[in-house]
Amino acid sequence: MGISSFFKSILDGGKVDISRRYEILRDAVSGTMSDFHMARDRETDQIVGLKILDKVKNDQLEMRFRGLDKPSEGEIATSFDHPRIVRTLGYGLTTKGQQFLVMEFLDGPGLNSLIIGRSKLLDGNRLTLMRQAAEALQVVHDAGYIHRDICPRNFVCSKDATSLKLIDFGLTVPAKKEFQQPGIRTGTPNYMAPEVVRRKTTDQRLDIFAFGVSMYEMFAFELPWQKSTGDGLAAMAHGQSTPIPLEKHFPGIHPDIAKAIGQCLEADPQKRMPSMKNFLSSISNVKNAWIEQPTK
C-alpha cells in the first residue's frame, strides 16, 4: 500500500494497524501530548517520523473547543508545503483509536538542545536560523492559523545547524474570533505571552511574543526573565519587568536584531511587532549577527 493508497484508506475512514504497517527503528520520544518514533514504512520502505497522539490528553484538549469547527492536527499539518515547515505525509486513526501523523524524518537536533548545550554550531548561523524561523511562522500566520507553541523545542535544525524547520501543530488553531477567547491557556510556560498567562483575548501576536523569547534565548543562552519550573508561575511575571538588554549577553549584536527581538517582547500586544513580515523587513538589511566580533 503506497502513499496514494495510504491516503485512500484514511479518506475512506479506514484505520491503520501501526505495528503491522511500521517498523519502529528508534525508541519513542515522549512529548506532552504524544510519542514520536523513527520508523520504517513496511509498504514503501521509507524512513519516516511517526507521531502517535495520547488519546486521553488529546480528547481533553479538544473538549476546550467543543462545538467549534476545529481542524485536526493532521488536517492543519498536511496543508503546509514549505521548505521551512516539516512535511506531513498523511494522518489517520490507529486500530486502537489513536490519532497519528506520518511525516518526513528530521535527523537533527532541536534548537532547544543546541541552546541548552551552548553549542558552537550556532556561531555564524544564528541570523540565518532566525530568518528561517520567522519565515516559517509567517507561512503559518498567512494561512490563517495561530501556532500556540512556538519555542526552541519546536524548531528542528539540520545536523550542521545551517537550517531549520518548524514542527508540531498539536495546539494550533484557526486565527478566528471563536478560538481567541479568554481562558485558553495553552503553550509552553517559559514562552507564553502575558495575554495568554492572564487569560485575555489573544491573536497571532501571542506567537510573535513566543518567537521573540525563543530568539532572545538563541542569542543569549538565557531567557529574558526567570525560568519557569514548568507550572507556569514564573510566566505570570512576563511583561512586568524589562528584559535584560540582549547586548549584555551577546556583546556587539547588530542593533537592528536587538531592537526587532525587543519589539517582539513587548508586553502590550498593541506595541508588539505586528507581524512576522514586519519582523523580516526590520532585519532585511542585516548582513551579520554582530557589528563587531565578540571579544573572547
C-alpha atoms as a PDB file:
ATOM      1  CA  MET A   1       0.000   0.000   0.000  1.00  0.00           C
ATOM      2  CA  GLY A   2       1.896   3.059  -1.259  1.00  0.00           C
ATOM      3  CA  ILE A   3       1.362   6.669  -0.242  1.00  0.00           C
ATOM      4  CA  SER A   4      -1.619   7.083  -2.587  1.00  0.00           C
ATOM      5  CA  SER A   5      -3.394   4.055  -1.172  1.00  0.00           C
ATOM      6  CA  PHE A   6      -2.439   5.194   2.315  1.00  0.00           C
ATOM      7  CA  PHE A   7      -4.373   8.420   1.763  1.00  0.00           C
ATOM      8  CA  LYS A   8      -7.273   6.482   0.243  1.00  0.00           C
ATOM      9  CA  SER A   9      -7.577   4.326   3.340  1.00  0.00           C
ATOM     10  CA  ILE A  10      -7.726   7.428   5.515  1.00  0.00           C
ATOM     11  CA  LEU A  11     -10.279   9.165   3.330  1.00  0.00           C
ATOM     12  CA  ASP A  12     -12.393   6.034   3.377  1.00  0.00           C
ATOM     13  CA  GLY A  13     -12.338   6.095   7.164  1.00  0.00           C
ATOM     14  CA  GLY A  14     -10.060   3.081   7.444  1.00  0.00           C
ATOM     15  CA  LYS A  15      -7.868   2.516  10.495  1.00  0.00           C
ATOM     16  CA  VAL A  16      -4.196   1.575  10.372  1.00  0.00           C
ATOM     17  CA  ASP A  17      -2.561  -1.212  12.363  1.00  0.00           C
ATOM     18  CA  ILE A  18       0.567   0.718  13.309  1.00  0.00           C
ATOM     19  CA  SER A  19       2.555  -2.320  14.471  1.00  0.00           C
ATOM     20  CA  ARG A  20       1.975  -4.074  11.140  1.00  0.00           C
ATOM     21  CA  ARG A  21       2.469  -1.051   8.900  1.00  0.00           C
ATOM     22  CA  TYR A  22       5.552   0.423  10.589  1.00  0.00           C
ATOM     23  CA  GLU A  23       8.782  -0.963  11.968  1.00  0.00           C
ATOM     24  CA  ILE A  24       9.887   1.154  14.922  1.00  0.00           C
ATOM     25  CA  LEU A  25      13.600   1.901  14.499  1.00  0.00           C
ATOM     26  CA  ARG A  26      14.158   4.211  17.430  1.00  0.00           C
ATOM     27  CA  ASP A  27      12.555   4.359  20.864  1.00  0.00           C
ATOM     28  CA  ALA A  28       9.820   6.910  21.325  1.00  0.00           C
ATOM     29  CA  VAL A  29      10.499  10.477  22.356  1.00  0.00           C
ATOM     30  CA  SER A  30       7.661  11.288  24.704  1.00  0.00           C
ATOM     31  CA  GLY A  31       6.155  14.734  24.475  1.00  0.00           C
ATOM     32  CA  THR A  32       3.390  16.412  26.424  1.00  0.00           C
ATOM     33  CA  MET A  33       0.651  15.175  24.123  1.00  0.00           C
ATOM     34  CA  SER A  34       2.230  12.435  22.021  1.00  0.00           C
ATOM     35  CA  ASP A  35       5.020   9.930  21.359  1.00  0.00           C
ATOM     36  CA  PHE A  36       7.333  10.329  18.391  1.00  0.00           C
ATOM     37  CA  HIS A  37       9.149   7.448  16.686  1.00  0.00           C
ATOM     38  CA  MET A  38      11.643   6.998  13.906  1.00  0.00           C
ATOM     39  CA  ALA A  39      10.053   4.265  11.801  1.00  0.00           C
ATOM     40  CA  ARG A  40      10.244   2.395   8.516  1.00  0.00           C
ATOM     41  CA  ASP A  41       7.128   2.159   6.407  1.00  0.00           C
ATOM     42  CA  ARG A  42       6.978  -1.538   5.540  1.00  0.00           C
ATOM     43  CA  GLU A  43       4.963  -0.791   2.406  1.00  0.00           C
ATOM     44  CA  THR A  44       7.181   1.930   0.901  1.00  0.00           C
ATOM     45  CA  ASP A  45      10.475   1.210   2.717  1.00  0.00           C
ATOM     46  CA  GLN A  46      10.597   4.921   3.536  1.00  0.00           C
ATOM     47  CA  ILE A  47      12.101   6.176   6.799  1.00  0.00           C
ATOM     48  CA  VAL A  48       9.522   8.445   8.419  1.00  0.00           C
ATOM     49  CA  GLY A  49       8.659  10.233  11.615  1.00  0.00           C
ATOM     50  CA  LEU A  50       5.647   8.620  13.281  1.00  0.00           C
ATOM     51  CA  LYS A  51       3.732  10.710  15.795  1.00  0.00           C
ATOM     52  CA  ILE A  52       1.072   8.981  17.885  1.00  0.00           C
ATOM     53  CA  LEU A  53      -1.175  11.230  19.948  1.00  0.00           C
ATOM     54  CA  ASP A  54      -2.119  10.422  23.531  1.00  0.00           C
ATOM     55  CA  LYS A  55      -5.860   9.791  23.218  1.00  0.00           C
ATOM     56  CA  VAL A  56      -6.824  10.941  26.715  1.00  0.00           C
ATOM     57  CA  LYS A  57      -4.804  14.164  26.615  1.00  0.00           C
ATOM     58  CA  ASN A  58      -5.858  14.957  23.055  1.00  0.00           C
ATOM     59  CA  ASP A  59      -9.534  14.416  23.903  1.00  0.00           C
ATOM     60  CA  GLN A  60      -9.153  16.768  26.886  1.00  0.00           C
ATOM     61  CA  LEU A  61      -7.661  19.435  24.613  1.00  0.00           C
ATOM     62  CA  GLU A  62     -10.380  19.035  22.009  1.00  0.00           C
ATOM     63  CA  MET A  63     -13.060  19.432  24.695  1.00  0.00           C
ATOM     64  CA  ARG A  64     -11.957  23.064  25.058  1.00  0.00           C
ATOM     65  CA  PHE A  65     -13.146  23.656  21.505  1.00  0.00           C
ATOM     66  CA  ARG A  66     -16.328  21.608  21.679  1.00  0.00           C
ATOM     67  CA  GLY A  67     -18.930  22.932  19.283  1.00  0.00           C
ATOM     68  CA  LEU A  68     -16.374  24.756  17.142  1.00  0.00           C
ATOM     69  CA  ASP A  69     -15.285  23.702  13.681  1.00  0.00           C
ATOM     70  CA  LYS A  70     -11.679  22.995  14.663  1.00  0.00           C
ATOM     71  CA  PRO A  71      -9.499  21.165  12.116  1.00  0.00           C
ATOM     72  CA  SER A  72      -7.417  18.277  13.398  1.00  0.00           C
ATOM     73  CA  GLU A  73      -3.647  18.445  13.737  1.00  0.00           C
ATOM     74  CA  GLY A  74      -3.359  16.208  10.680  1.00  0.00           C
ATOM     75  CA  GLU A  75      -5.560  18.462   8.566  1.00  0.00           C
ATOM     76  CA  ILE A  76      -3.525  21.518   9.545  1.00  0.00           C
ATOM     77  CA  ALA A  77      -0.112  19.895   9.160  1.00  0.00           C
ATOM     78  CA  THR A  78      -0.779  18.441   5.713  1.00  0.00           C
ATOM     79  CA  SER A  79      -1.953  21.827   4.433  1.00  0.00           C
ATOM     80  CA  PHE A  80       1.599  23.230   4.511  1.00  0.00           C
ATOM     81  CA  ASP A  81       4.077  22.808   1.685  1.00  0.00           C
ATOM     82  CA  HIS A  82       7.083  24.950   2.545  1.00  0.00           C
ATOM     83  CA  PRO A  83      10.805  24.181   2.960  1.00  0.00           C
ATOM     84  CA  ARG A  84      10.846  25.683   6.466  1.00  0.00           C
ATOM     85  CA  ILE A  85       7.967  23.522   7.763  1.00  0.00           C
ATOM     86  CA  VAL A  86       8.148  19.773   8.348  1.00  0.00           C
ATOM     87  CA  ARG A  87       6.394  17.881   5.555  1.00  0.00           C
ATOM     88  CA  THR A  88       3.492  15.768   6.787  1.00  0.00           C
ATOM     89  CA  LEU A  89       2.726  12.820   4.509  1.00  0.00           C
ATOM     90  CA  GLY A  90      -0.513  11.592   5.990  1.00  0.00           C
ATOM     91  CA  TYR A  91      -2.610  11.131   9.100  1.00  0.00           C
ATOM     92  CA  GLY A  92      -5.399   8.980  10.434  1.00  0.00           C
ATOM     93  CA  LEU A  93      -6.548   6.679  13.216  1.00  0.00           C
ATOM     94  CA  THR A  94      -4.870   3.585  14.559  1.00  0.00           C
ATOM     95  CA  THR A  95      -6.816   0.412  15.209  1.00  0.00           C
ATOM     96  CA  LYS A  96      -6.711   1.491  18.880  1.00  0.00           C
ATOM     97  CA  GLY A  97      -8.484   4.744  18.090  1.00  0.00           C
ATOM     98  CA  GLN A  98      -5.415   6.967  18.465  1.00  0.00           C
ATOM     99  CA  GLN A  99      -4.739   9.806  16.050  1.00  0.00           C
ATOM    100  CA  PHE A 100      -1.388   9.566  14.281  1.00  0.00           C
ATOM    101  CA  LEU A 101       0.660  11.533  11.771  1.00  0.00           C
ATOM    102  CA  VAL A 102       3.339  10.379   9.348  1.00  0.00           C
ATOM    103  CA  MET A 103       5.953  12.949   8.388  1.00  0.00           C
ATOM    104  CA  GLU A 104       9.404  13.332   6.955  1.00  0.00           C
ATOM    105  CA  PHE A 105      12.023  12.245   9.476  1.00  0.00           C
ATOM    106  CA  LEU A 106      14.249  15.128  10.564  1.00  0.00           C
ATOM    107  CA  ASP A 107      17.546  13.685  11.754  1.00  0.00           C
ATOM    108  CA  GLY A 108      18.955  16.722  13.507  1.00  0.00           C
ATOM    109  CA  PRO A 109      18.975  18.453  16.904  1.00  0.00           C
ATOM    110  CA  GLY A 110      16.173  20.572  18.248  1.00  0.00           C
ATOM    111  CA  LEU A 111      17.102  24.215  18.643  1.00  0.00           C
ATOM    112  CA  ASN A 112      16.467  23.743  22.362  1.00  0.00           C
ATOM    113  CA  SER A 113      19.239  21.128  22.547  1.00  0.00           C
ATOM    114  CA  LEU A 114      21.709  23.495  20.883  1.00  0.00           C
ATOM    115  CA  ILE A 115      20.747  26.234  23.324  1.00  0.00           C
ATOM    116  CA  ILE A 116      20.986  24.013  26.395  1.00  0.00           C
ATOM    117  CA  GLY A 117      24.376  22.752  25.241  1.00  0.00           C
ATOM    118  CA  ARG A 118      25.553  26.270  24.317  1.00  0.00           C
ATOM    119  CA  SER A 119      26.550  24.724  21.024  1.00  0.00           C
ATOM    120  CA  LYS A 120      29.287  26.290  18.909  1.00  0.00           C
ATOM    121  CA  LEU A 121      27.268  25.162  15.892  1.00  0.00           C
ATOM    122  CA  LEU A 122      25.124  28.256  16.395  1.00  0.00           C
ATOM    123  CA  ASP A 123      28.109  30.548  15.838  1.00  0.00           C
ATOM    124  CA  GLY A 124      27.737  32.133  12.432  1.00  0.00           C
ATOM    125  CA  ASN A 125      24.306  30.554  11.886  1.00  0.00           C
ATOM    126  CA  ARG A 126      22.024  32.493  14.234  1.00  0.00           C
ATOM    127  CA  LEU A 127      20.945  35.139  11.731  1.00  0.00           C
ATOM    128  CA  THR A 128      20.081  32.521   9.099  1.00  0.00           C
ATOM    129  CA  LEU A 129      18.183  30.377  11.600  1.00  0.00           C
ATOM    130  CA  MET A 130      16.267  33.384  12.898  1.00  0.00           C
ATOM    131  CA  ARG A 131      15.193  34.390   9.395  1.00  0.00           C
ATOM    132  CA  GLN A 132      14.118  30.849   8.587  1.00  0.00           C
ATOM    133  CA  ALA A 133      12.140  30.560  11.831  1.00  0.00           C
ATOM    134  CA  ALA A 134      10.430  33.867  11.060  1.00  0.00           C
ATOM    135  CA  GLU A 135       9.613  32.729   7.510  1.00  0.00           C
ATOM    136  CA  ALA A 136       8.071  29.505   8.840  1.00  0.00           C
ATOM    137  CA  LEU A 137       5.896  31.359  11.312  1.00  0.00           C
ATOM    138  CA  GLN A 138       4.841  33.847   8.649  1.00  0.00           C
ATOM    139  CA  VAL A 139       3.620  30.942   6.500  1.00  0.00           C
ATOM    140  CA  VAL A 140       1.525  29.651   9.405  1.00  0.00           C
ATOM    141  CA  HIS A 141       0.054  33.087  10.040  1.00  0.00           C
ATOM    142  CA  ASP A 142      -0.591  33.807   6.363  1.00  0.00           C
ATOM    143  CA  ALA A 143      -2.513  30.515   6.202  1.00  0.00           C
ATOM    144  CA  GLY A 144      -4.815  31.822   8.935  1.00  0.00           C
ATOM    145  CA  TYR A 145      -3.547  29.926  11.985  1.00  0.00           C
ATOM    146  CA  ILE A 146      -2.056  30.572  15.418  1.00  0.00           C
ATOM    147  CA  HIS A 147       0.636  28.009  16.222  1.00  0.00           C
ATOM    148  CA  ARG A 148       0.339  28.495  20.014  1.00  0.00           C
ATOM    149  CA  ASP A 149       3.513  26.598  20.917  1.00  0.00           C
ATOM    150  CA  ILE A 150       6.413  28.478  19.370  1.00  0.00           C
ATOM    151  CA  CYS A 151       9.533  27.586  21.344  1.00  0.00           C
ATOM    152  CA  PRO A 152      13.050  26.289  20.565  1.00  0.00           C
ATOM    153  CA  ARG A 153      11.900  22.678  21.038  1.00  0.00           C
ATOM    154  CA  ASN A 154       9.631  23.026  18.016  1.00  0.00           C
ATOM    155  CA  PHE A 155      12.357  24.070  15.612  1.00  0.00           C
ATOM    156  CA  VAL A 156      14.431  21.115  14.384  1.00  0.00           C
ATOM    157  CA  CYS A 157      17.814  22.008  12.904  1.00  0.00           C
ATOM    158  CA  SER A 158      19.947  20.260  10.323  1.00  0.00           C
ATOM    159  CA  LYS A 159      22.955  18.412  11.735  1.00  0.00           C
ATOM    160  CA  ASP A 160      25.259  21.337  10.951  1.00  0.00           C
ATOM    161  CA  ALA A 161      22.718  23.884  12.252  1.00  0.00           C
ATOM    162  CA  THR A 162      22.637  25.810   8.980  1.00  0.00           C
ATOM    163  CA  SER A 163      18.876  25.395   8.538  1.00  0.00           C
ATOM    164  CA  LEU A 164      15.745  24.526  10.498  1.00  0.00           C
ATOM    165  CA  LYS A 165      12.105  23.521  10.162  1.00  0.00           C
ATOM    166  CA  LEU A 166       9.063  24.282  12.294  1.00  0.00           C
ATOM    167  CA  ILE A 167       7.232  21.265  13.716  1.00  0.00           C
ATOM    168  CA  ASP A 168       4.278  20.318  15.948  1.00  0.00           C
ATOM    169  CA  PHE A 169       0.823  21.688  15.210  1.00  0.00           C
ATOM    170  CA  GLY A 170      -0.818  19.932  18.132  1.00  0.00           C
ATOM    171  CA  LEU A 171      -2.005  23.186  19.734  1.00  0.00           C
ATOM    172  CA  THR A 172      -2.585  25.111  16.506  1.00  0.00           C
ATOM    173  CA  VAL A 173      -5.959  26.767  15.986  1.00  0.00           C
ATOM    174  CA  PRO A 174      -7.537  28.961  13.311  1.00  0.00           C
ATOM    175  CA  ALA A 175      -6.970  32.692  13.842  1.00  0.00           C
ATOM    176  CA  LYS A 176     -10.694  33.279  14.245  1.00  0.00           C
ATOM    177  CA  LYS A 177     -12.622  35.054  16.988  1.00  0.00           C
ATOM    178  CA  GLU A 178     -14.109  31.888  18.461  1.00  0.00           C
ATOM    179  CA  PHE A 179     -10.617  30.429  19.019  1.00  0.00           C
ATOM    180  CA  GLN A 180      -9.177  33.606  20.526  1.00  0.00           C
ATOM    181  CA  GLN A 181     -11.424  33.974  23.546  1.00  0.00           C
ATOM    182  CA  PRO A 182     -10.029  34.466  27.074  1.00  0.00           C
ATOM    183  CA  GLY A 183      -9.280  31.411  29.171  1.00  0.00           C
ATOM    184  CA  ILE A 184      -7.452  29.105  26.755  1.00  0.00           C
ATOM    185  CA  ARG A 185      -4.031  28.868  28.404  1.00  0.00           C
ATOM    186  CA  THR A 186      -2.037  26.503  26.220  1.00  0.00           C
ATOM    187  CA  GLY A 187       1.614  26.530  25.232  1.00  0.00           C
ATOM    188  CA  THR A 188       4.993  26.239  26.940  1.00  0.00           C
ATOM    189  CA  PRO A 189       5.132  28.440  30.091  1.00  0.00           C
ATOM    190  CA  ASN A 190       8.584  29.994  29.535  1.00  0.00           C
ATOM    191  CA  TYR A 191       7.421  31.364  26.174  1.00  0.00           C
ATOM    192  CA  MET A 192       3.846  32.380  26.960  1.00  0.00           C
ATOM    193  CA  ALA A 193       2.735  35.904  26.117  1.00  0.00           C
ATOM    194  CA  PRO A 194       1.282  37.962  29.005  1.00  0.00           C
ATOM    195  CA  GLU A 195      -2.206  37.896  27.463  1.00  0.00           C
ATOM    196  CA  VAL A 196      -2.134  34.081  27.454  1.00  0.00           C
ATOM    197  CA  VAL A 197      -0.943  33.836  31.051  1.00  0.00           C
ATOM    198  CA  ARG A 198      -3.562  36.321  32.213  1.00  0.00           C
ATOM    199  CA  ARG A 199      -6.309  34.601  30.203  1.00  0.00           C
ATOM    200  CA  LYS A 200      -7.117  37.581  27.985  1.00  0.00           C
ATOM    201  CA  THR A 201      -8.247  37.690  24.374  1.00  0.00           C
ATOM    202  CA  THR A 202      -5.468  36.544  22.063  1.00  0.00           C
ATOM    203  CA  ASP A 203      -4.444  36.656  18.412  1.00  0.00           C
ATOM    204  CA  GLN A 204      -1.421  35.770  16.274  1.00  0.00           C
ATOM    205  CA  ARG A 205       0.715  38.183  18.258  1.00  0.00           C
ATOM    206  CA  LEU A 206       0.997  35.616  21.042  1.00  0.00           C
ATOM    207  CA  ASP A 207       3.187  33.629  18.622  1.00  0.00           C
ATOM    208  CA  ILE A 208       5.279  36.720  17.946  1.00  0.00           C
ATOM    209  CA  PHE A 209       5.980  37.097  21.666  1.00  0.00           C
ATOM    210  CA  ALA A 210       6.973  33.418  21.941  1.00  0.00           C
ATOM    211  CA  PHE A 211       9.159  33.817  18.851  1.00  0.00           C
ATOM    212  CA  GLY A 212      10.890  36.796  20.471  1.00  0.00           C
ATOM    213  CA  VAL A 213      11.612  34.822  23.649  1.00  0.00           C
ATOM    214  CA  SER A 214      12.954  31.920  21.565  1.00  0.00           C
ATOM    215  CA  MET A 215      15.258  34.137  19.507  1.00  0.00           C
ATOM    216  CA  TYR A 216      16.440  36.025  22.598  1.00  0.00           C
ATOM    217  CA  GLU A 217      17.364  32.677  24.128  1.00  0.00           C
ATOM    218  CA  MET A 218      19.148  31.527  20.967  1.00  0.00           C
ATOM    219  CA  PHE A 219      21.422  34.566  21.101  1.00  0.00           C
ATOM    220  CA  ALA A 220      21.784  34.892  24.862  1.00  0.00           C
ATOM    221  CA  PHE A 221      21.617  31.266  26.065  1.00  0.00           C
ATOM    222  CA  GLU A 222      19.365  32.796  28.718  1.00  0.00           C
ATOM    223  CA  LEU A 223      15.681  33.693  28.960  1.00  0.00           C
ATOM    224  CA  PRO A 224      14.585  37.328  29.261  1.00  0.00           C
ATOM    225  CA  TRP A 225      13.004  36.518  32.625  1.00  0.00           C
ATOM    226  CA  GLN A 226      13.339  33.992  35.405  1.00  0.00           C
ATOM    227  CA  LYS A 227      12.987  30.467  34.118  1.00  0.00           C
ATOM    228  CA  SER A 228       9.733  28.725  34.983  1.00  0.00           C
ATOM    229  CA  THR A 229       9.623  25.489  36.932  1.00  0.00           C
ATOM    230  CA  GLY A 230       7.056  24.257  34.436  1.00  0.00           C
ATOM    231  CA  ASP A 231       3.966  25.115  36.461  1.00  0.00           C
ATOM    232  CA  GLY A 232       3.564  28.490  34.782  1.00  0.00           C
ATOM    233  CA  LEU A 233       4.065  30.589  37.940  1.00  0.00           C
ATOM    234  CA  ALA A 234       7.157  32.369  36.633  1.00  0.00           C
ATOM    235  CA  ALA A 235       5.314  33.138  33.415  1.00  0.00           C
ATOM    236  CA  MET A 236       2.932  35.335  35.428  1.00  0.00           C
ATOM    237  CA  ALA A 237       5.798  37.856  35.633  1.00  0.00           C
ATOM    238  CA  HIS A 238       6.207  38.094  31.853  1.00  0.00           C
ATOM    239  CA  GLY A 239       5.897  41.712  30.822  1.00  0.00           C
ATOM    240  CA  GLN A 240       6.045  43.062  34.384  1.00  0.00           C
ATOM    241  CA  SER A 241       9.741  43.853  34.171  1.00  0.00           C
ATOM    242  CA  THR A 242      12.057  44.929  31.372  1.00  0.00           C
ATOM    243  CA  PRO A 243      14.121  42.096  29.872  1.00  0.00           C
ATOM    244  CA  ILE A 244      17.866  42.292  30.328  1.00  0.00           C
ATOM    245  CA  PRO A 245      19.224  44.011  27.197  1.00  0.00           C
ATOM    246  CA  LEU A 246      20.323  41.402  24.679  1.00  0.00           C
ATOM    247  CA  GLU A 247      23.599  43.283  24.263  1.00  0.00           C
ATOM    248  CA  LYS A 248      24.555  42.274  27.814  1.00  0.00           C
ATOM    249  CA  HIS A 249      24.544  38.604  26.809  1.00  0.00           C
ATOM    250  CA  PHE A 250      25.688  38.988  23.197  1.00  0.00           C
ATOM    251  CA  PRO A 251      28.166  41.900  23.016  1.00  0.00           C
ATOM    252  CA  GLY A 252      28.355  43.517  19.598  1.00  0.00           C
ATOM    253  CA  ILE A 253      24.970  42.205  18.417  1.00  0.00           C
ATOM    254  CA  HIS A 254      23.621  44.169  15.482  1.00  0.00           C
ATOM    255  CA  PRO A 255      21.312  46.851  16.918  1.00  0.00           C
ATOM    256  CA  ASP A 256      18.590  46.084  14.363  1.00  0.00           C
ATOM    257  CA  ILE A 257      18.416  42.494  15.649  1.00  0.00           C
ATOM    258  CA  ALA A 258      18.300  43.552  19.304  1.00  0.00           C
ATOM    259  CA  LYS A 259      15.603  46.124  18.523  1.00  0.00           C
ATOM    260  CA  ALA A 260      13.475  43.692  16.490  1.00  0.00           C
ATOM    261  CA  ILE A 261      13.615  40.958  19.127  1.00  0.00           C
ATOM    262  CA  GLY A 262      12.912  43.539  21.821  1.00  0.00           C
ATOM    263  CA  GLN A 263       9.792  44.686  19.986  1.00  0.00           C
ATOM    264  CA  CYS A 264       8.560  41.086  19.864  1.00  0.00           C
ATOM    265  CA  LEU A 265       8.820  41.015  23.661  1.00  0.00           C
ATOM    266  CA  GLU A 266       6.540  43.987  24.276  1.00  0.00           C
ATOM    267  CA  ALA A 267       4.005  43.062  26.951  1.00  0.00           C
ATOM    268  CA  ASP A 268       1.272  45.128  25.283  1.00  0.00           C
ATOM    269  CA  PRO A 269       0.226  43.419  22.036  1.00  0.00           C
ATOM    270  CA  GLN A 270      -0.564  46.857  20.561  1.00  0.00           C
ATOM    271  CA  LYS A 271       3.099  47.846  20.942  1.00  0.00           C
ATOM    272  CA  ARG A 272       4.454  44.453  19.882  1.00  0.00           C
ATOM    273  CA  MET A 273       5.924  43.673  16.474  1.00  0.00           C
ATOM    274  CA  PRO A 274       2.698  43.472  14.426  1.00  0.00           C
ATOM    275  CA  SER A 275       3.633  40.612  12.102  1.00  0.00           C
ATOM    276  CA  MET A 276       6.441  38.321  11.026  1.00  0.00           C
ATOM    277  CA  LYS A 277       6.508  40.168   7.715  1.00  0.00           C
ATOM    278  CA  ASN A 278       7.332  43.335   9.645  1.00  0.00           C
ATOM    279  CA  PHE A 279       9.969  41.461  11.635  1.00  0.00           C
ATOM    280  CA  LEU A 280      11.697  40.202   8.499  1.00  0.00           C
ATOM    281  CA  SER A 281      11.562  43.661   6.973  1.00  0.00           C
ATOM    282  CA  SER A 282      13.142  45.176  10.086  1.00  0.00           C
ATOM    283  CA  ILE A 283      16.228  42.951   9.733  1.00  0.00           C
ATOM    284  CA  SER A 284      16.326  42.846   5.931  1.00  0.00           C
ATOM    285  CA  ASN A 285      19.498  44.934   5.710  1.00  0.00           C
ATOM    286  CA  VAL A 286      21.382  42.994   8.383  1.00  0.00           C
ATOM    287  CA  LYS A 287      24.289  41.025   6.907  1.00  0.00           C
ATOM    288  CA  ASN A 288      25.844  39.740  10.109  1.00  0.00           C
ATOM    289  CA  ALA A 289      24.529  38.996  13.583  1.00  0.00           C
ATOM    290  CA  TRP A 290      27.042  41.369  15.155  1.00  0.00           C
ATOM    291  CA  ILE A 291      28.595  44.663  14.200  1.00  0.00           C
ATOM    292  CA  GLU A 292      31.923  43.536  15.589  1.00  0.00           C
ATOM    293  CA  GLN A 293      33.410  40.216  16.590  1.00  0.00           C
ATOM    294  CA  PRO A 294      32.662  39.396  20.243  1.00  0.00           C
ATOM    295  CA  THR A 295      35.730  39.619  22.452  1.00  0.00           C
ATOM    296  CA  LYS A 296      36.994  36.306  23.771  1.00  0.00           C
END
